[in-house]
Amino acid sequence: MAKLQSLDPDTPMFAQFKEKTGPIVLANTFFVPKERTEAFLTLFRRQAEFMKAQPGFVSLQMHKGTADSQLL
């Protein structure tokens, strides 16, 4: 289950979403068990195609940890 979590206690994430200040960078970290990696990547690719079609979208990248890490 995905979990949204504010990291800045003084400025909650949803307060920041309301601002219309221009470009933003969003970095997500996912822990994906090895047996679910392919299903996760399939879903990620579908969502990436949706995002690429949105106005103002610039780029998207997926990074994977090394040494058999399950972090994406």
PDB file of N, CA and C in Angstrom:
ATOM      1  N   MET A   1       0.848  -1.176   0.000  1.00  0.00           N
ATOM      2  CA  MET A   1       0.000   0.000   0.000  1.00  0.00           C
ATOM      3  C   MET A   1       0.890   1.234   0.000  1.00  0.00           C
ATOM      4  N   ALA A   2       0.608   2.156  -0.890  1.00  0.00           N
ATOM      5  CA  ALA A   2       1.366   3.413  -0.948  1.00  0.00           C
ATOM      6  C   ALA A   2       1.053   4.261   0.275  1.00  0.00           C
ATOM      7  N   LYS A   3       2.045   5.003   0.718  1.00  0.00           N
ATOM      8  CA  LYS A   3       1.878   5.857   1.891  1.00  0.00           C
ATOM      9  C   LYS A   3       2.442   7.238   1.573  1.00  0.00           C
ATOM     10  N   LEU A   4       1.590   8.260   1.643  1.00  0.00           N
ATOM     11  CA  LEU A   4       2.048   9.636   1.482  1.00  0.00           C
ATOM     12  C   LEU A   4       2.459  10.160   2.839  1.00  0.00           C
ATOM     13  N   GLN A   5       3.611  10.792   2.884  1.00  0.00           N
ATOM     14  CA  GLN A   5       4.129  11.254   4.165  1.00  0.00           C
ATOM     15  C   GLN A   5       4.784  12.619   3.989  1.00  0.00           C
ATOM     16  N   SER A   6       4.357  13.589   4.787  1.00  0.00           N
ATOM     17  CA  SER A   6       5.003  14.902   4.780  1.00  0.00           C
ATOM     18  C   SER A   6       6.343  14.798   5.499  1.00  0.00           C
ATOM     19  N   LEU A   7       7.369  15.366   4.899  1.00  0.00           N
ATOM     20  CA  LEU A   7       8.696  15.317   5.504  1.00  0.00           C
ATOM     21  C   LEU A   7       9.065  16.622   6.195  1.00  0.00           C
ATOM     22  N   ASP A   8       8.369  17.702   5.861  1.00  0.00           N
ATOM     23  CA  ASP A   8       8.638  19.008   6.465  1.00  0.00           C
ATOM     24  C   ASP A   8       7.528  19.314   7.465  1.00  0.00           C
ATOM     25  N   PRO A   9       7.800  19.235   8.767  1.00  0.00           N
ATOM     26  CA  PRO A   9       6.745  19.425   9.767  1.00  0.00           C
ATOM     27  C   PRO A   9       6.159  20.836   9.782  1.00  0.00           C
ATOM     28  N   ASP A  10       6.907  21.824   9.291  1.00  0.00           N
ATOM     29  CA  ASP A  10       6.418  23.202   9.302  1.00  0.00           C
ATOM     30  C   ASP A  10       5.580  23.560   8.078  1.00  0.00           C
ATOM     31  N   THR A  11       5.753  22.821   6.993  1.00  0.00           N
ATOM     32  CA  THR A  11       4.999  23.083   5.769  1.00  0.00           C
ATOM     33  C   THR A  11       4.522  21.749   5.210  1.00  0.00           C
ATOM     34  N   PRO A  12       3.312  21.337   5.575  1.00  0.00           N
ATOM     35  CA  PRO A  12       2.807  20.035   5.128  1.00  0.00           C
ATOM     36  C   PRO A  12       2.777  19.911   3.603  1.00  0.00           C
ATOM     37  N   MET A  13       2.908  18.694   3.127  1.00  0.00           N
ATOM     38  CA  MET A  13       2.941  18.401   1.708  1.00  0.00           C
ATOM     39  C   MET A  13       1.720  18.971   0.981  1.00  0.00           C
ATOM     40  N   PHE A  14       0.529  18.797   1.540  1.00  0.00           N
ATOM     41  CA  PHE A  14      -0.673  19.244   0.839  1.00  0.00           C
ATOM     42  C   PHE A  14      -0.763  20.764   0.773  1.00  0.00           C
ATOM     43  N   ALA A  15      -0.185  21.469   1.726  1.00  0.00           N
ATOM     44  CA  ALA A  15      -0.114  22.932   1.647  1.00  0.00           C
ATOM     45  C   ALA A  15       0.789  23.332   0.478  1.00  0.00           C
ATOM     46  N   GLN A  16       1.851  22.580   0.273  1.00  0.00           N
ATOM     47  CA  GLN A  16       2.753  22.868  -0.845  1.00  0.00           C
ATOM     48  C   GLN A  16       2.084  22.589  -2.186  1.00  0.00           C
ATOM     49  N   PHE A  17       1.228  21.574  -2.252  1.00  0.00           N
ATOM     50  CA  PHE A  17       0.531  21.253  -3.498  1.00  0.00           C
ATOM     51  C   PHE A  17      -0.355  22.403  -3.960  1.00  0.00           C
ATOM     52  N   LYS A  18      -0.866  23.196  -3.039  1.00  0.00           N
ATOM     53  CA  LYS A  18      -1.775  24.297  -3.375  1.00  0.00           C
ATOM     54  C   LYS A  18      -1.057  25.472  -4.034  1.00  0.00           C
ATOM     55  N   GLU A  19       0.247  25.583  -3.830  1.00  0.00           N
ATOM     56  CA  GLU A  19       1.017  26.688  -4.406  1.00  0.00           C
ATOM     57  C   GLU A  19       1.113  26.539  -5.923  1.00  0.00           C
ATOM     58  N   LYS A  20       1.056  27.647  -6.614  1.00  0.00           N
ATOM     59  CA  LYS A  20       1.192  27.663  -8.079  1.00  0.00           C
ATOM     60  C   LYS A  20       2.477  28.414  -8.428  1.00  0.00           C
ATOM     61  N   THR A  21       3.614  27.876  -7.998  1.00  0.00           N
ATOM     62  CA  THR A  21       4.877  28.597  -8.113  1.00  0.00           C
ATOM     63  C   THR A  21       5.701  28.223  -9.334  1.00  0.00           C
ATOM     64  N   GLY A  22       5.314  27.222 -10.077  1.00  0.00           N
ATOM     65  CA  GLY A  22       6.082  26.848 -11.253  1.00  0.00           C
ATOM     66  C   GLY A  22       6.579  25.420 -11.168  1.00  0.00           C
ATOM     67  N   PRO A  23       7.684  25.122 -11.874  1.00  0.00           N
ATOM     68  CA  PRO A  23       8.181  23.750 -11.938  1.00  0.00           C
ATOM     69  C   PRO A  23       8.507  23.176 -10.558  1.00  0.00           C
ATOM     70  N   ILE A  24       8.299  21.879 -10.436  1.00  0.00           N
ATOM     71  CA  ILE A  24       8.651  21.159  -9.217  1.00  0.00           C
ATOM     72  C   ILE A  24       9.406  19.889  -9.592  1.00  0.00           C
ATOM     73  N   VAL A  25      10.103  19.336  -8.635  1.00  0.00           N
ATOM     74  CA  VAL A  25      10.750  18.037  -8.783  1.00  0.00           C
ATOM     75  C   VAL A  25      10.108  17.117  -7.765  1.00  0.00           C
ATOM     76  N   LEU A  26       9.677  15.960  -8.222  1.00  0.00           N
ATOM     77  CA  LEU A  26       9.063  14.974  -7.341  1.00  0.00           C
ATOM     78  C   LEU A  26       9.937  13.726  -7.363  1.00  0.00           C
ATOM     79  N   ALA A  27      10.381  13.289  -6.207  1.00  0.00           N
ATOM     80  CA  ALA A  27      11.195  12.079  -6.102  1.00  0.00           C
ATOM     81  C   ALA A  27      10.491  11.115  -5.156  1.00  0.00           C
ATOM     82  N   ASN A  28      10.103   9.973  -5.678  1.00  0.00           N
ATOM     83  CA  ASN A  28       9.450   8.940  -4.876  1.00  0.00           C
ATOM     84  C   ASN A  28      10.418   7.789  -4.659  1.00  0.00           C
ATOM     85  N   THR A  29      10.305   7.127  -3.526  1.00  0.00           N
ATOM     86  CA  THR A  29      11.068   5.918  -3.246  1.00  0.00           C
ATOM     87  C   THR A  29      10.073   4.794  -3.015  1.00  0.00           C
ATOM     88  N   PHE A  30      10.281   3.684  -3.711  1.00  0.00           N
ATOM     89  CA  PHE A  30       9.396   2.532  -3.581  1.00  0.00           C
ATOM     90  C   PHE A  30      10.210   1.327  -3.132  1.00  0.00           C
ATOM     91  N   PHE A  31       9.706   0.592  -2.145  1.00  0.00           N
ATOM     92  CA  PHE A  31      10.275  -0.698  -1.768  1.00  0.00           C
ATOM     93  C   PHE A  31       9.390  -1.742  -2.426  1.00  0.00           C
ATOM     94  N   VAL A  32       9.966  -2.515  -3.347  1.00  0.00           N
ATOM     95  CA  VAL A  32       9.188  -3.482  -4.114  1.00  0.00           C
ATOM     96  C   VAL A  32       9.802  -4.866  -3.920  1.00  0.00           C
ATOM     97  N   PRO A  33       9.055  -5.797  -3.319  1.00  0.00           N
ATOM     98  CA  PRO A  33       9.565  -7.165  -3.176  1.00  0.00           C
ATOM     99  C   PRO A  33       9.922  -7.747  -4.548  1.00  0.00           C
ATOM    100  N   LYS A  34      10.967  -8.534  -4.605  1.00  0.00           N
ATOM    101  CA  LYS A  34      11.466  -9.063  -5.882  1.00  0.00           C
ATOM    102  C   LYS A  34      10.375  -9.725  -6.715  1.00  0.00           C
ATOM    103  N   GLU A  35       9.497 -10.463  -6.066  1.00  0.00           N
ATOM    104  CA  GLU A  35       8.461 -11.187  -6.813  1.00  0.00           C
ATOM    105  C   GLU A  35       7.399 -10.255  -7.408  1.00  0.00           C
ATOM    106  N   ARG A  36       7.404  -8.989  -7.038  1.00  0.00           N
ATOM    107  CA  ARG A  36       6.409  -8.039  -7.556  1.00  0.00           C
ATOM    108  C   ARG A  36       7.027  -6.981  -8.463  1.00  0.00           C
ATOM    109  N   THR A  37       8.333  -7.094  -8.714  1.00  0.00           N
ATOM    110  CA  THR A  37       9.021  -6.066  -9.494  1.00  0.00           C
ATOM    111  C   THR A  37       8.430  -5.904 -10.888  1.00  0.00           C
ATOM    112  N   GLU A  38       8.219  -6.988 -11.614  1.00  0.00           N
ATOM    113  CA  GLU A  38       7.696  -6.878 -12.983  1.00  0.00           C
ATOM    114  C   GLU A  38       6.305  -6.255 -13.005  1.00  0.00           C
ATOM    115  N   ALA A  39       5.432  -6.654 -12.081  1.00  0.00           N
ATOM    116  CA  ALA A  39       4.087  -6.072 -12.016  1.00  0.00           C
ATOM    117  C   ALA A  39       4.167  -4.584 -11.686  1.00  0.00           C
ATOM    118  N   PHE A  40       5.053  -4.230 -10.765  1.00  0.00           N
ATOM    119  CA  PHE A  40       5.227  -2.819 -10.414  1.00  0.00           C
ATOM    120  C   PHE A  40       5.694  -2.017 -11.624  1.00  0.00           C
ATOM    121  N   LEU A  41       6.697  -2.524 -12.336  1.00  0.00           N
ATOM    122  CA  LEU A  41       7.223  -1.793 -13.486  1.00  0.00           C
ATOM    123  C   LEU A  41       6.192  -1.668 -14.599  1.00  0.00           C
ATOM    124  N   THR A  42       5.358  -2.671 -14.780  1.00  0.00           N
ATOM    125  CA  THR A  42       4.280  -2.587 -15.770  1.00  0.00           C
ATOM    126  C   THR A  42       3.330  -1.455 -15.419  1.00  0.00           C
ATOM    127  N   LEU A  43       2.919  -1.395 -14.164  1.00  0.00           N
ATOM    128  CA  LEU A  43       2.036  -0.317 -13.713  1.00  0.00           C
ATOM    129  C   LEU A  43       2.740   1.037 -13.814  1.00  0.00           C
ATOM    130  N   PHE A  44       4.002   1.091 -13.437  1.00  0.00           N
ATOM    131  CA  PHE A  44       4.763   2.340 -13.511  1.00  0.00           C
ATOM    132  C   PHE A  44       4.820   2.847 -14.953  1.00  0.00           C
ATOM    133  N   ARG A  45       5.046   1.949 -15.901  1.00  0.00           N
ATOM    134  CA  ARG A  45       5.108   2.351 -17.315  1.00  0.00           C
ATOM    135  C   ARG A  45       3.770   2.913 -17.784  1.00  0.00           C
ATOM    136  N   ARG A  46       2.674   2.298 -17.378  1.00  0.00           N
ATOM    137  CA  ARG A  46       1.339   2.811 -17.745  1.00  0.00           C
ATOM    138  C   ARG A  46       1.127   4.202 -17.180  1.00  0.00           C
ATOM    139  N   GLN A  47       1.483   4.387 -15.918  1.00  0.00           N
ATOM    140  CA  GLN A  47       1.324   5.702 -15.295  1.00  0.00           C
ATOM    141  C   GLN A  47       2.265   6.723 -15.923  1.00  0.00           C
ATOM    142  N   ALA A  48       3.445   6.293 -16.330  1.00  0.00           N
ATOM    143  CA  ALA A  48       4.396   7.188 -16.990  1.00  0.00           C
ATOM    144  C   ALA A  48       3.822   7.689 -18.310  1.00  0.00           C
ATOM    145  N   GLU A  49       3.176   6.819 -19.071  1.00  0.00           N
ATOM    146  CA  GLU A  49       2.561   7.239 -20.333  1.00  0.00           C
ATOM    147  C   GLU A  49       1.479   8.285 -20.085  1.00  0.00           C
ATOM    148  N   PHE A  50       0.694   8.103 -19.041  1.00  0.00           N
ATOM    149  CA  PHE A  50      -0.323   9.097 -18.688  1.00  0.00           C
ATOM    150  C   PHE A  50       0.336  10.436 -18.358  1.00  0.00           C
ATOM    151  N   MET A  51       1.364  10.408 -17.514  1.00  0.00           N
ATOM    152  CA  MET A  51       2.023  11.650 -17.096  1.00  0.00           C
ATOM    153  C   MET A  51       2.673  12.369 -18.273  1.00  0.00           C
ATOM    154  N   LYS A  52       3.260  11.622 -19.191  1.00  0.00           N
ATOM    155  CA  LYS A  52       3.914  12.231 -20.352  1.00  0.00           C
ATOM    156  C   LYS A  52       2.937  13.021 -21.213  1.00  0.00           C
ATOM    157  N   ALA A  53       1.659  12.689 -21.145  1.00  0.00           N
ATOM    158  CA  ALA A  53       0.642  13.377 -21.941  1.00  0.00           C
ATOM    159  C   ALA A  53       0.084  14.617 -21.243  1.00  0.00           C
ATOM    160  N   GLN A  54       0.520  14.887 -20.018  1.00  0.00           N
ATOM    161  CA  GLN A  54      -0.019  16.013 -19.255  1.00  0.00           C
ATOM    162  C   GLN A  54       0.699  17.314 -19.614  1.00  0.00           C
ATOM    163  N   PRO A  55      -0.068  18.421 -19.673  1.00  0.00           N
ATOM    164  CA  PRO A  55       0.542  19.722 -19.978  1.00  0.00           C
ATOM    165  C   PRO A  55       1.625  20.079 -18.958  1.00  0.00           C
ATOM    166  N   GLY A  56       2.750  20.537 -19.454  1.00  0.00           N
ATOM    167  CA  GLY A  56       3.830  20.976 -18.581  1.00  0.00           C
ATOM    168  C   GLY A  56       4.778  19.878 -18.133  1.00  0.00           C
ATOM    169  N   PHE A  57       4.422  18.636 -18.412  1.00  0.00           N
ATOM    170  CA  PHE A  57       5.293  17.528 -18.002  1.00  0.00           C
ATOM    171  C   PHE A  57       6.622  17.622 -18.744  1.00  0.00           C
ATOM    172  N   VAL A  58       7.737  17.389 -18.033  1.00  0.00           N
ATOM    173  CA  VAL A  58       9.053  17.493 -18.653  1.00  0.00           C
ATOM    174  C   VAL A  58       9.715  16.124 -18.802  1.00  0.00           C
ATOM    175  N   SER A  59       9.905  15.394 -17.708  1.00  0.00           N
ATOM    176  CA  SER A  59      10.594  14.109 -17.824  1.00  0.00           C
ATOM    177  C   SER A  59      10.307  13.223 -16.627  1.00  0.00           C
ATOM    178  N   LEU A  60      10.659  11.957 -16.803  1.00  0.00           N
ATOM    179  CA  LEU A  60      10.445  10.956 -15.763  1.00  0.00           C
ATOM    180  C   LEU A  60      11.579   9.945 -15.863  1.00  0.00           C
ATOM    181  N   GLN A  61      12.122   9.537 -14.743  1.00  0.00           N
ATOM    182  CA  GLN A  61      13.187   8.536 -14.721  1.00  0.00           C
ATOM    183  C   GLN A  61      12.949   7.564 -13.571  1.00  0.00           C
ATOM    184  N   MET A  62      13.331   6.317 -13.789  1.00  0.00           N
ATOM    185  CA  MET A  62      13.273   5.308 -12.735  1.00  0.00           C
ATOM    186  C   MET A  62      14.706   4.902 -12.423  1.00  0.00           C
ATOM    187  N   HIS A  63      15.044   4.872 -11.160  1.00  0.00           N
ATOM    188  CA  HIS A  63      16.371   4.445 -10.714  1.00  0.00           C
ATOM    189  C   HIS A  63      16.203   3.240  -9.798  1.00  0.00           C
ATOM    190  N   LYS A  64      17.157   2.317  -9.860  1.00  0.00           N
ATOM    191  CA  LYS A  64      17.117   1.127  -9.008  1.00  0.00           C
ATOM    192  C   LYS A  64      18.395   1.068  -8.184  1.00  0.00           C
ATOM    193  N   GLY A  65      18.247   0.666  -6.933  1.00  0.00           N
ATOM    194  CA  GLY A  65      19.413   0.484  -6.078  1.00  0.00           C
ATOM    195  C   GLY A  65      20.319  -0.612  -6.620  1.00  0.00           C
ATOM    196  N   THR A  66      21.553  -0.627  -6.168  1.00  0.00           N
ATOM    197  CA  THR A  66      22.513  -1.637  -6.612  1.00  0.00           C
ATOM    198  C   THR A  66      22.529  -2.812  -5.636  1.00  0.00           C
ATOM    199  N   ALA A  67      23.345  -3.798  -5.962  1.00  0.00           N
ATOM    200  CA  ALA A  67      23.559  -4.960  -5.088  1.00  0.00           C
ATOM    201  C   ALA A  67      22.265  -5.676  -4.741  1.00  0.00           C
ATOM    202  N   ASP A  68      21.414  -5.868  -5.752  1.00  0.00           N
ATOM    203  CA  ASP A  68      20.161  -6.612  -5.580  1.00  0.00           C
ATOM    204  C   ASP A  68      19.163  -5.899  -4.666  1.00  0.00           C
ATOM    205  N   SER A  69      19.282  -4.581  -4.564  1.00  0.00           N
ATOM    206  CA  SER A  69      18.367  -3.787  -3.740  1.00  0.00           C
ATOM    207  C   SER A  69      16.945  -3.887  -4.282  1.00  0.00           C
ATOM    208  N   GLN A  70      15.985  -3.795  -3.388  1.00  0.00           N
ATOM    209  CA  GLN A  70      14.573  -3.811  -3.770  1.00  0.00           C
ATOM    210  C   GLN A  70      13.992  -2.400  -3.804  1.00  0.00           C
ATOM    211  N   LEU A  71      14.860  -1.392  -3.702  1.00  0.00           N
ATOM    212  CA  LEU A  71      14.409  -0.003  -3.766  1.00  0.00           C
ATOM    213  C   LEU A  71      14.425   0.483  -5.202  1.00  0.00           C
ATOM    214  N   LEU A  72      13.340   1.130  -5.577  1.00  0.00           N
ATOM    215  CA  LEU A  72      13.221   1.746  -6.900  1.00  0.00           C
ATOM    216  C   LEU A  72      12.907   3.205  -6.695  1.00  0.00           C
TER     217      LEU A  72
END
